[in-house]
Amino acid sequence: MWASSFSLPPPILSTSVTTQTNRKRLTLKASLFTYPLASRIMVRNLPYLTDESSLQKEFSNFGEIAEVKLVKDQSPTRKSKGYAFIQYTSQDDAIFALESMDQKIYDGRLIYVEIARPGKNDFGDYPRTCGPPEKTQHSQDLEEVAECWY
C-alpha cells in the first residue's frame, strides 16, 4: 500500500554522478524543469536542401521553439543527412507538432515526426529506464520505491 504522504528530493539542475559499475562521470545538463520530457521531436525524411531557418519557420506555427538542429555530415561538404531535432519549450507544443506534421508533405517529400529518444551524448551513456534507483541519500528519505522509473 502506498504511504499517505512522502516527500520528493529537490530537483537536480546540474550534478556529477559516479556509478560503481563503470566509474564514469555523468553530468546532467538540464532538469525536467528546463525542458519537459517529450518536448523534443525528430523529423525524418527531410529534403537534403532543407535548412534550419525553414524548419524553424514551418514548425514555429505549433509553439515556441528553443532549438532546431539539422544533422549534417562531418565531411567538408556538410550535406544534410535528412533528419533534424526540434526542441520545444512545452511538451504540449511538441505533441501538437507531431500530430499535425507526421506523414505530411514538406517541400515535396513525405516526412515522419516522432518523439526524440535521449541519445548517448545526452547523458554520457544511454539512460537506464527501468529498475529502482541506486541507494542515495535522497532515496533513503522515501518510504517506498516504485518498481519502474521512467
N, C-alpha and C. Protein backbone atom coordinates (compact mmCIF):
# COMPACT_ATOMS: atom_id res chain seq x y z
N MET A 1 0.84 -1.17 0.00
CA MET A 1 0.00 0.00 0.00
C MET A 1 0.89 1.24 0.00
N TRP A 2 0.49 2.24 -0.77
CA TRP A 2 1.27 3.48 -0.84
C TRP A 2 1.15 4.25 0.46
N ALA A 3 2.19 4.87 0.82
CA ALA A 3 2.18 5.71 2.01
C ALA A 3 1.31 6.93 1.75
N SER A 4 0.68 7.44 2.77
CA SER A 4 -0.23 8.57 2.59
C SER A 4 0.50 9.85 2.25
N SER A 5 1.73 9.99 2.69
CA SER A 5 2.49 11.18 2.33
C SER A 5 3.97 10.82 2.22
N PHE A 6 4.60 11.46 1.28
CA PHE A 6 6.04 11.29 1.12
C PHE A 6 6.59 12.55 0.48
N SER A 7 7.88 12.74 0.58
CA SER A 7 8.49 13.93 0.00
C SER A 7 9.44 13.50 -1.09
N LEU A 8 9.49 14.30 -2.14
CA LEU A 8 10.40 14.05 -3.25
C LEU A 8 11.68 14.84 -3.04
N PRO A 9 12.78 14.35 -3.58
CA PRO A 9 14.03 15.11 -3.45
C PRO A 9 13.96 16.39 -4.27
N PRO A 10 14.76 17.37 -3.94
CA PRO A 10 14.75 18.62 -4.72
C PRO A 10 15.24 18.36 -6.13
N PRO A 11 14.82 19.18 -7.12
CA PRO A 11 15.24 18.96 -8.50
C PRO A 11 16.75 19.14 -8.64
N ILE A 12 17.33 18.35 -9.52
CA ILE A 12 18.77 18.41 -9.76
C ILE A 12 18.99 19.25 -11.01
N LEU A 13 19.69 20.36 -10.88
CA LEU A 13 19.93 21.22 -12.01
C LEU A 13 21.22 20.86 -12.72
N SER A 14 22.25 20.58 -11.99
CA SER A 14 23.50 20.16 -12.59
C SER A 14 24.29 19.42 -11.53
N THR A 15 24.70 18.22 -11.85
CA THR A 15 25.40 17.42 -10.87
C THR A 15 26.31 16.44 -11.58
N SER A 16 27.24 15.92 -10.85
CA SER A 16 28.11 14.87 -11.37
C SER A 16 27.88 13.63 -10.52
N VAL A 17 27.72 12.51 -11.18
CA VAL A 17 27.45 11.25 -10.50
C VAL A 17 28.47 10.23 -11.00
N THR A 18 29.04 9.47 -10.09
CA THR A 18 29.95 8.41 -10.48
C THR A 18 29.28 7.09 -10.13
N THR A 19 29.11 6.23 -11.13
CA THR A 19 28.50 4.94 -10.87
C THR A 19 29.56 3.97 -10.43
N GLN A 20 29.15 2.94 -9.68
CA GLN A 20 30.11 1.98 -9.16
C GLN A 20 30.53 0.96 -10.20
N THR A 21 29.67 0.71 -11.20
CA THR A 21 29.98 -0.35 -12.16
C THR A 21 31.05 0.05 -13.16
N ASN A 22 31.00 1.26 -13.69
CA ASN A 22 31.98 1.62 -14.71
C ASN A 22 32.81 2.85 -14.36
N ARG A 23 32.59 3.45 -13.22
CA ARG A 23 33.37 4.59 -12.74
C ARG A 23 33.44 5.72 -13.77
N LYS A 24 32.34 5.99 -14.45
CA LYS A 24 32.28 7.02 -15.46
C LYS A 24 31.53 8.23 -14.91
N ARG A 25 32.06 9.43 -15.09
CA ARG A 25 31.38 10.62 -14.61
C ARG A 25 30.19 10.92 -15.50
N LEU A 26 29.08 11.21 -14.88
CA LEU A 26 27.85 11.50 -15.59
C LEU A 26 27.42 12.90 -15.21
N THR A 27 27.35 13.79 -16.16
CA THR A 27 26.96 15.16 -15.89
C THR A 27 25.61 15.41 -16.53
N LEU A 28 24.62 15.74 -15.72
CA LEU A 28 23.30 16.07 -16.24
C LEU A 28 23.28 17.53 -16.59
N LYS A 29 22.84 17.85 -17.80
CA LYS A 29 22.90 19.22 -18.28
C LYS A 29 21.65 20.02 -17.96
N ALA A 30 20.50 19.38 -17.87
CA ALA A 30 19.26 20.10 -17.64
C ALA A 30 18.34 19.27 -16.78
N SER A 31 17.42 19.92 -16.14
CA SER A 31 16.45 19.21 -15.33
C SER A 31 15.14 19.14 -16.09
N LEU A 32 14.16 18.47 -15.50
CA LEU A 32 12.85 18.39 -16.12
C LEU A 32 12.18 19.76 -16.16
N PHE A 33 12.65 20.68 -15.33
CA PHE A 33 12.04 21.99 -15.28
C PHE A 33 12.55 22.89 -16.41
N THR A 34 13.72 22.57 -17.01
CA THR A 34 14.21 23.35 -18.13
C THR A 34 13.39 23.05 -19.37
N TYR A 35 13.36 21.81 -19.78
CA TYR A 35 12.53 21.35 -20.89
C TYR A 35 11.88 20.05 -20.45
N PRO A 36 10.56 19.96 -20.51
CA PRO A 36 9.90 18.76 -20.04
C PRO A 36 10.17 17.57 -20.95
N LEU A 37 9.92 16.38 -20.40
CA LEU A 37 10.07 15.17 -21.20
C LEU A 37 9.15 15.25 -22.42
N ALA A 38 9.54 14.63 -23.48
CA ALA A 38 8.77 14.57 -24.72
C ALA A 38 8.56 15.94 -25.35
N SER A 39 9.43 16.89 -25.11
CA SER A 39 9.31 18.20 -25.76
C SER A 39 10.28 18.32 -26.94
N ARG A 40 10.99 17.26 -27.25
CA ARG A 40 11.93 17.25 -28.36
C ARG A 40 11.43 16.24 -29.39
N ILE A 41 11.32 16.68 -30.63
CA ILE A 41 10.85 15.79 -31.69
C ILE A 41 11.95 15.58 -32.72
N MET A 42 11.83 14.48 -33.45
CA MET A 42 12.76 14.17 -34.53
C MET A 42 11.96 14.14 -35.83
N VAL A 43 12.44 14.84 -36.83
CA VAL A 43 11.80 14.89 -38.14
C VAL A 43 12.69 14.15 -39.12
N ARG A 44 12.14 13.09 -39.75
CA ARG A 44 12.92 12.27 -40.68
C ARG A 44 12.44 12.46 -42.12
N ASN A 45 13.27 12.05 -43.06
CA ASN A 45 12.99 12.07 -44.50
C ASN A 45 12.85 13.50 -45.04
N LEU A 46 13.67 14.39 -44.51
CA LEU A 46 13.66 15.77 -44.98
C LEU A 46 14.39 15.88 -46.31
N PRO A 47 14.00 16.84 -47.15
CA PRO A 47 14.78 17.09 -48.36
C PRO A 47 16.19 17.54 -47.99
N TYR A 48 17.16 17.17 -48.78
CA TYR A 48 18.55 17.47 -48.45
C TYR A 48 18.88 18.96 -48.56
N LEU A 49 18.04 19.73 -49.23
CA LEU A 49 18.27 21.17 -49.35
C LEU A 49 17.61 21.97 -48.23
N THR A 50 16.94 21.31 -47.32
CA THR A 50 16.27 22.00 -46.21
C THR A 50 17.33 22.60 -45.28
N ASP A 51 17.06 23.80 -44.79
CA ASP A 51 17.95 24.42 -43.82
C ASP A 51 17.20 24.66 -42.51
N GLU A 52 17.94 25.03 -41.47
CA GLU A 52 17.36 25.18 -40.13
C GLU A 52 16.34 26.32 -40.07
N SER A 53 16.58 27.38 -40.83
CA SER A 53 15.65 28.52 -40.78
C SER A 53 14.29 28.16 -41.37
N SER A 54 14.26 27.34 -42.42
CA SER A 54 12.96 26.94 -42.99
C SER A 54 12.22 26.00 -42.04
N LEU A 55 12.96 25.12 -41.34
CA LEU A 55 12.33 24.27 -40.34
C LEU A 55 11.79 25.10 -39.18
N GLN A 56 12.56 26.08 -38.75
CA GLN A 56 12.14 26.98 -37.67
C GLN A 56 10.85 27.68 -38.06
N LYS A 57 10.79 28.17 -39.28
CA LYS A 57 9.61 28.89 -39.74
C LYS A 57 8.39 27.97 -39.81
N GLU A 58 8.56 26.78 -40.34
CA GLU A 58 7.43 25.85 -40.51
C GLU A 58 6.92 25.31 -39.17
N PHE A 59 7.82 24.92 -38.28
CA PHE A 59 7.42 24.28 -37.03
C PHE A 59 7.11 25.28 -35.91
N SER A 60 7.43 26.55 -36.10
CA SER A 60 7.08 27.54 -35.08
C SER A 60 5.58 27.84 -35.08
N ASN A 61 4.86 27.36 -36.09
CA ASN A 61 3.40 27.51 -36.11
C ASN A 61 2.73 26.74 -34.98
N PHE A 62 3.43 25.78 -34.39
CA PHE A 62 2.83 24.91 -33.38
C PHE A 62 3.23 25.30 -31.95
N GLY A 63 4.14 26.20 -31.79
CA GLY A 63 4.54 26.64 -30.46
C GLY A 63 5.93 27.24 -30.48
N GLU A 64 6.39 27.64 -29.29
CA GLU A 64 7.70 28.28 -29.14
C GLU A 64 8.81 27.24 -29.24
N ILE A 65 9.78 27.50 -30.10
CA ILE A 65 10.89 26.58 -30.34
C ILE A 65 12.12 27.10 -29.60
N ALA A 66 12.78 26.19 -28.88
CA ALA A 66 14.01 26.54 -28.18
C ALA A 66 15.22 26.33 -29.08
N GLU A 67 15.20 25.26 -29.89
CA GLU A 67 16.37 24.95 -30.71
C GLU A 67 15.97 24.07 -31.89
N VAL A 68 16.60 24.31 -33.04
CA VAL A 68 16.46 23.46 -34.22
C VAL A 68 17.85 23.00 -34.59
N LYS A 69 18.03 21.68 -34.68
CA LYS A 69 19.33 21.14 -35.05
C LYS A 69 19.17 20.21 -36.24
N LEU A 70 19.66 20.62 -37.38
CA LEU A 70 19.66 19.82 -38.59
C LEU A 70 20.96 19.01 -38.60
N VAL A 71 20.87 17.71 -38.67
CA VAL A 71 22.05 16.86 -38.60
C VAL A 71 22.73 16.84 -39.96
N LYS A 72 24.05 17.10 -39.96
CA LYS A 72 24.82 17.19 -41.21
C LYS A 72 26.02 16.26 -41.16
N ASP A 73 26.55 15.93 -42.33
CA ASP A 73 27.75 15.11 -42.43
C ASP A 73 28.94 15.83 -41.82
N GLN A 74 29.93 15.05 -41.37
CA GLN A 74 31.15 15.63 -40.83
C GLN A 74 32.14 15.99 -41.94
N SER A 75 31.84 15.56 -43.16
CA SER A 75 32.74 15.84 -44.28
C SER A 75 32.75 17.34 -44.58
N PRO A 76 33.72 17.79 -45.37
CA PRO A 76 33.82 19.23 -45.68
C PRO A 76 32.58 19.79 -46.39
N THR A 77 31.80 18.94 -47.06
CA THR A 77 30.63 19.45 -47.77
C THR A 77 29.49 19.80 -46.81
N ARG A 78 29.47 19.18 -45.61
CA ARG A 78 28.44 19.46 -44.60
C ARG A 78 27.03 19.30 -45.16
N LYS A 79 26.79 18.24 -45.96
CA LYS A 79 25.46 17.98 -46.51
C LYS A 79 24.54 17.48 -45.42
N SER A 80 23.27 17.80 -45.55
CA SER A 80 22.26 17.34 -44.61
C SER A 80 22.09 15.83 -44.70
N LYS A 81 21.85 15.19 -43.56
CA LYS A 81 21.59 13.76 -43.54
C LYS A 81 20.11 13.44 -43.70
N GLY A 82 19.26 14.45 -43.74
CA GLY A 82 17.84 14.24 -43.99
C GLY A 82 16.99 14.11 -42.74
N TYR A 83 17.55 14.45 -41.58
CA TYR A 83 16.73 14.46 -40.37
C TYR A 83 17.19 15.58 -39.45
N ALA A 84 16.26 15.98 -38.57
CA ALA A 84 16.53 17.11 -37.68
C ALA A 84 15.85 16.88 -36.34
N PHE A 85 16.35 17.59 -35.32
CA PHE A 85 15.77 17.57 -33.99
C PHE A 85 15.25 18.97 -33.69
N ILE A 86 14.03 19.04 -33.18
CA ILE A 86 13.42 20.32 -32.84
C ILE A 86 13.02 20.27 -31.37
N GLN A 87 13.57 21.19 -30.59
CA GLN A 87 13.30 21.26 -29.15
C GLN A 87 12.27 22.36 -28.89
N TYR A 88 11.12 21.98 -28.38
CA TYR A 88 10.09 22.94 -28.00
C TYR A 88 10.25 23.28 -26.52
N THR A 89 9.70 24.41 -26.12
CA THR A 89 9.74 24.79 -24.71
C THR A 89 8.61 24.14 -23.93
N SER A 90 7.64 23.56 -24.64
CA SER A 90 6.50 22.93 -23.99
C SER A 90 6.25 21.55 -24.60
N GLN A 91 5.91 20.60 -23.76
CA GLN A 91 5.59 19.26 -24.22
C GLN A 91 4.32 19.27 -25.07
N ASP A 92 3.35 20.08 -24.71
CA ASP A 92 2.10 20.15 -25.47
C ASP A 92 2.34 20.65 -26.89
N ASP A 93 3.24 21.62 -27.05
CA ASP A 93 3.56 22.13 -28.38
C ASP A 93 4.22 21.05 -29.24
N ALA A 94 5.10 20.26 -28.62
CA ALA A 94 5.77 19.20 -29.36
C ALA A 94 4.78 18.12 -29.80
N ILE A 95 3.86 17.76 -28.94
CA ILE A 95 2.85 16.76 -29.30
C ILE A 95 1.93 17.29 -30.39
N PHE A 96 1.59 18.57 -30.31
CA PHE A 96 0.75 19.20 -31.34
C PHE A 96 1.46 19.18 -32.69
N ALA A 97 2.76 19.50 -32.70
CA ALA A 97 3.53 19.47 -33.94
C ALA A 97 3.62 18.06 -34.49
N LEU A 98 3.82 17.09 -33.60
CA LEU A 98 3.90 15.69 -34.03
C LEU A 98 2.59 15.26 -34.68
N GLU A 99 1.47 15.54 -34.04
CA GLU A 99 0.18 15.13 -34.57
C GLU A 99 -0.16 15.85 -35.87
N SER A 100 0.29 17.08 -36.01
CA SER A 100 -0.05 17.87 -37.20
C SER A 100 0.84 17.58 -38.39
N MET A 101 2.12 17.27 -38.15
CA MET A 101 3.07 17.16 -39.26
C MET A 101 3.49 15.74 -39.61
N ASP A 102 3.16 14.76 -38.79
CA ASP A 102 3.57 13.39 -39.09
C ASP A 102 2.88 12.91 -40.37
N GLN A 103 3.67 12.38 -41.27
CA GLN A 103 3.23 11.85 -42.57
C GLN A 103 2.55 12.91 -43.43
N LYS A 104 3.12 14.11 -43.42
CA LYS A 104 2.67 15.20 -44.28
C LYS A 104 3.74 15.48 -45.32
N ILE A 105 3.36 16.15 -46.38
CA ILE A 105 4.30 16.54 -47.44
C ILE A 105 4.97 17.85 -47.04
N TYR A 106 6.31 17.84 -47.04
CA TYR A 106 7.09 19.04 -46.73
C TYR A 106 8.13 19.19 -47.83
N ASP A 107 8.08 20.26 -48.57
CA ASP A 107 8.98 20.52 -49.71
C ASP A 107 9.04 19.33 -50.67
N GLY A 108 7.88 18.74 -50.92
CA GLY A 108 7.80 17.67 -51.91
C GLY A 108 8.13 16.28 -51.39
N ARG A 109 8.38 16.12 -50.09
CA ARG A 109 8.70 14.81 -49.53
C ARG A 109 7.78 14.49 -48.36
N LEU A 110 7.48 13.22 -48.19
CA LEU A 110 6.68 12.76 -47.07
C LEU A 110 7.59 12.67 -45.85
N ILE A 111 7.29 13.46 -44.82
CA ILE A 111 8.15 13.47 -43.64
C ILE A 111 7.48 12.68 -42.51
N TYR A 112 8.32 12.20 -41.59
CA TYR A 112 7.86 11.45 -40.43
C TYR A 112 8.35 12.18 -39.18
N VAL A 113 7.44 12.37 -38.23
CA VAL A 113 7.76 13.09 -37.00
C VAL A 113 7.49 12.15 -35.83
N GLU A 114 8.44 12.09 -34.90
CA GLU A 114 8.27 11.26 -33.71
C GLU A 114 8.97 11.92 -32.53
N ILE A 115 8.64 11.46 -31.32
CA ILE A 115 9.29 11.97 -30.12
C ILE A 115 10.73 11.47 -30.13
N ALA A 116 11.67 12.38 -29.91
CA ALA A 116 13.09 12.02 -29.91
C ALA A 116 13.43 11.30 -28.61
N ARG A 117 14.16 10.22 -28.74
CA ARG A 117 14.63 9.49 -27.56
C ARG A 117 15.96 10.07 -27.12
N PRO A 118 16.24 10.07 -25.82
CA PRO A 118 17.55 10.56 -25.37
C PRO A 118 18.65 9.67 -25.94
N GLY A 119 19.68 10.28 -26.42
CA GLY A 119 20.77 9.53 -27.02
C GLY A 119 21.95 9.38 -26.10
N LYS A 120 22.98 8.77 -26.61
CA LYS A 120 24.19 8.51 -25.83
C LYS A 120 24.87 9.81 -25.40
N ASN A 121 24.85 10.81 -26.26
CA ASN A 121 25.53 12.07 -25.95
C ASN A 121 24.77 12.93 -24.95
N ASP A 122 23.48 12.68 -24.74
CA ASP A 122 22.70 13.49 -23.82
C ASP A 122 23.05 13.22 -22.37
N PHE A 123 23.40 11.98 -22.03
CA PHE A 123 23.66 11.62 -20.65
C PHE A 123 25.03 10.98 -20.43
N GLY A 124 25.90 10.97 -21.44
CA GLY A 124 27.20 10.35 -21.30
C GLY A 124 27.16 8.88 -21.63
N ASP A 125 26.00 8.27 -21.56
CA ASP A 125 25.76 6.89 -21.92
C ASP A 125 24.25 6.76 -22.10
N TYR A 126 23.79 5.67 -22.69
CA TYR A 126 22.36 5.51 -22.86
C TYR A 126 21.69 5.46 -21.49
N PRO A 127 20.60 6.20 -21.30
CA PRO A 127 19.96 6.22 -19.99
C PRO A 127 19.32 4.89 -19.63
N ARG A 128 19.33 4.58 -18.36
CA ARG A 128 18.71 3.38 -17.85
C ARG A 128 17.30 3.76 -17.42
N THR A 129 16.28 3.05 -17.93
CA THR A 129 14.92 3.50 -17.71
C THR A 129 14.12 2.61 -16.78
N CYS A 130 14.56 1.42 -16.45
CA CYS A 130 13.78 0.55 -15.58
C CYS A 130 14.59 0.13 -14.37
N GLY A 131 13.87 -0.22 -13.34
CA GLY A 131 14.50 -0.66 -12.12
C GLY A 131 14.56 0.44 -11.10
N PRO A 132 14.68 0.09 -9.87
CA PRO A 132 14.73 1.12 -8.82
C PRO A 132 16.05 1.87 -8.88
N PRO A 133 16.04 3.12 -8.43
CA PRO A 133 17.29 3.88 -8.43
C PRO A 133 18.24 3.32 -7.38
N GLU A 134 19.52 3.62 -7.59
CA GLU A 134 20.51 3.18 -6.61
C GLU A 134 20.30 3.94 -5.32
N LYS A 135 20.74 3.36 -4.23
CA LYS A 135 20.56 3.99 -2.92
C LYS A 135 21.38 5.27 -2.84
N THR A 136 20.71 6.36 -2.60
CA THR A 136 21.36 7.65 -2.38
C THR A 136 20.76 8.26 -1.13
N GLN A 137 21.31 9.37 -0.73
CA GLN A 137 20.77 10.00 0.47
C GLN A 137 19.34 10.49 0.24
N HIS A 138 18.99 10.83 -1.03
CA HIS A 138 17.64 11.28 -1.32
C HIS A 138 16.65 10.13 -1.28
N SER A 139 17.03 8.96 -1.79
CA SER A 139 16.10 7.84 -1.85
C SER A 139 15.91 7.19 -0.49
N GLN A 140 16.79 7.44 0.45
CA GLN A 140 16.62 6.88 1.78
C GLN A 140 15.47 7.56 2.52
N ASP A 141 15.13 8.78 2.11
CA ASP A 141 14.04 9.50 2.74
C ASP A 141 12.67 8.97 2.32
N LEU A 142 12.60 8.33 1.15
CA LEU A 142 11.33 7.81 0.66
C LEU A 142 10.98 6.50 1.37
N GLU A 143 9.70 6.30 1.63
CA GLU A 143 9.29 5.09 2.33
C GLU A 143 9.22 3.89 1.39
N GLU A 144 8.75 4.09 0.16
CA GLU A 144 8.62 3.01 -0.80
C GLU A 144 9.28 3.42 -2.11
N VAL A 145 9.70 2.43 -2.88
CA VAL A 145 10.33 2.69 -4.17
C VAL A 145 9.50 1.97 -5.21
N ALA A 146 9.12 2.66 -6.28
CA ALA A 146 8.36 2.05 -7.35
C ALA A 146 9.23 1.06 -8.11
N GLU A 147 8.59 0.11 -8.79
CA GLU A 147 9.35 -0.93 -9.50
C GLU A 147 9.99 -0.42 -10.77
N CYS A 148 9.40 0.54 -11.46
CA CYS A 148 9.95 1.02 -12.73
C CYS A 148 9.93 2.53 -12.75
N TRP A 149 11.07 3.12 -13.08
CA TRP A 149 11.21 4.57 -13.15
C TRP A 149 11.40 4.99 -14.59
N TYR A 150 10.67 5.98 -15.01
CA TYR A 150 10.78 6.46 -16.40
C TYR A 150 11.34 7.83 -16.44
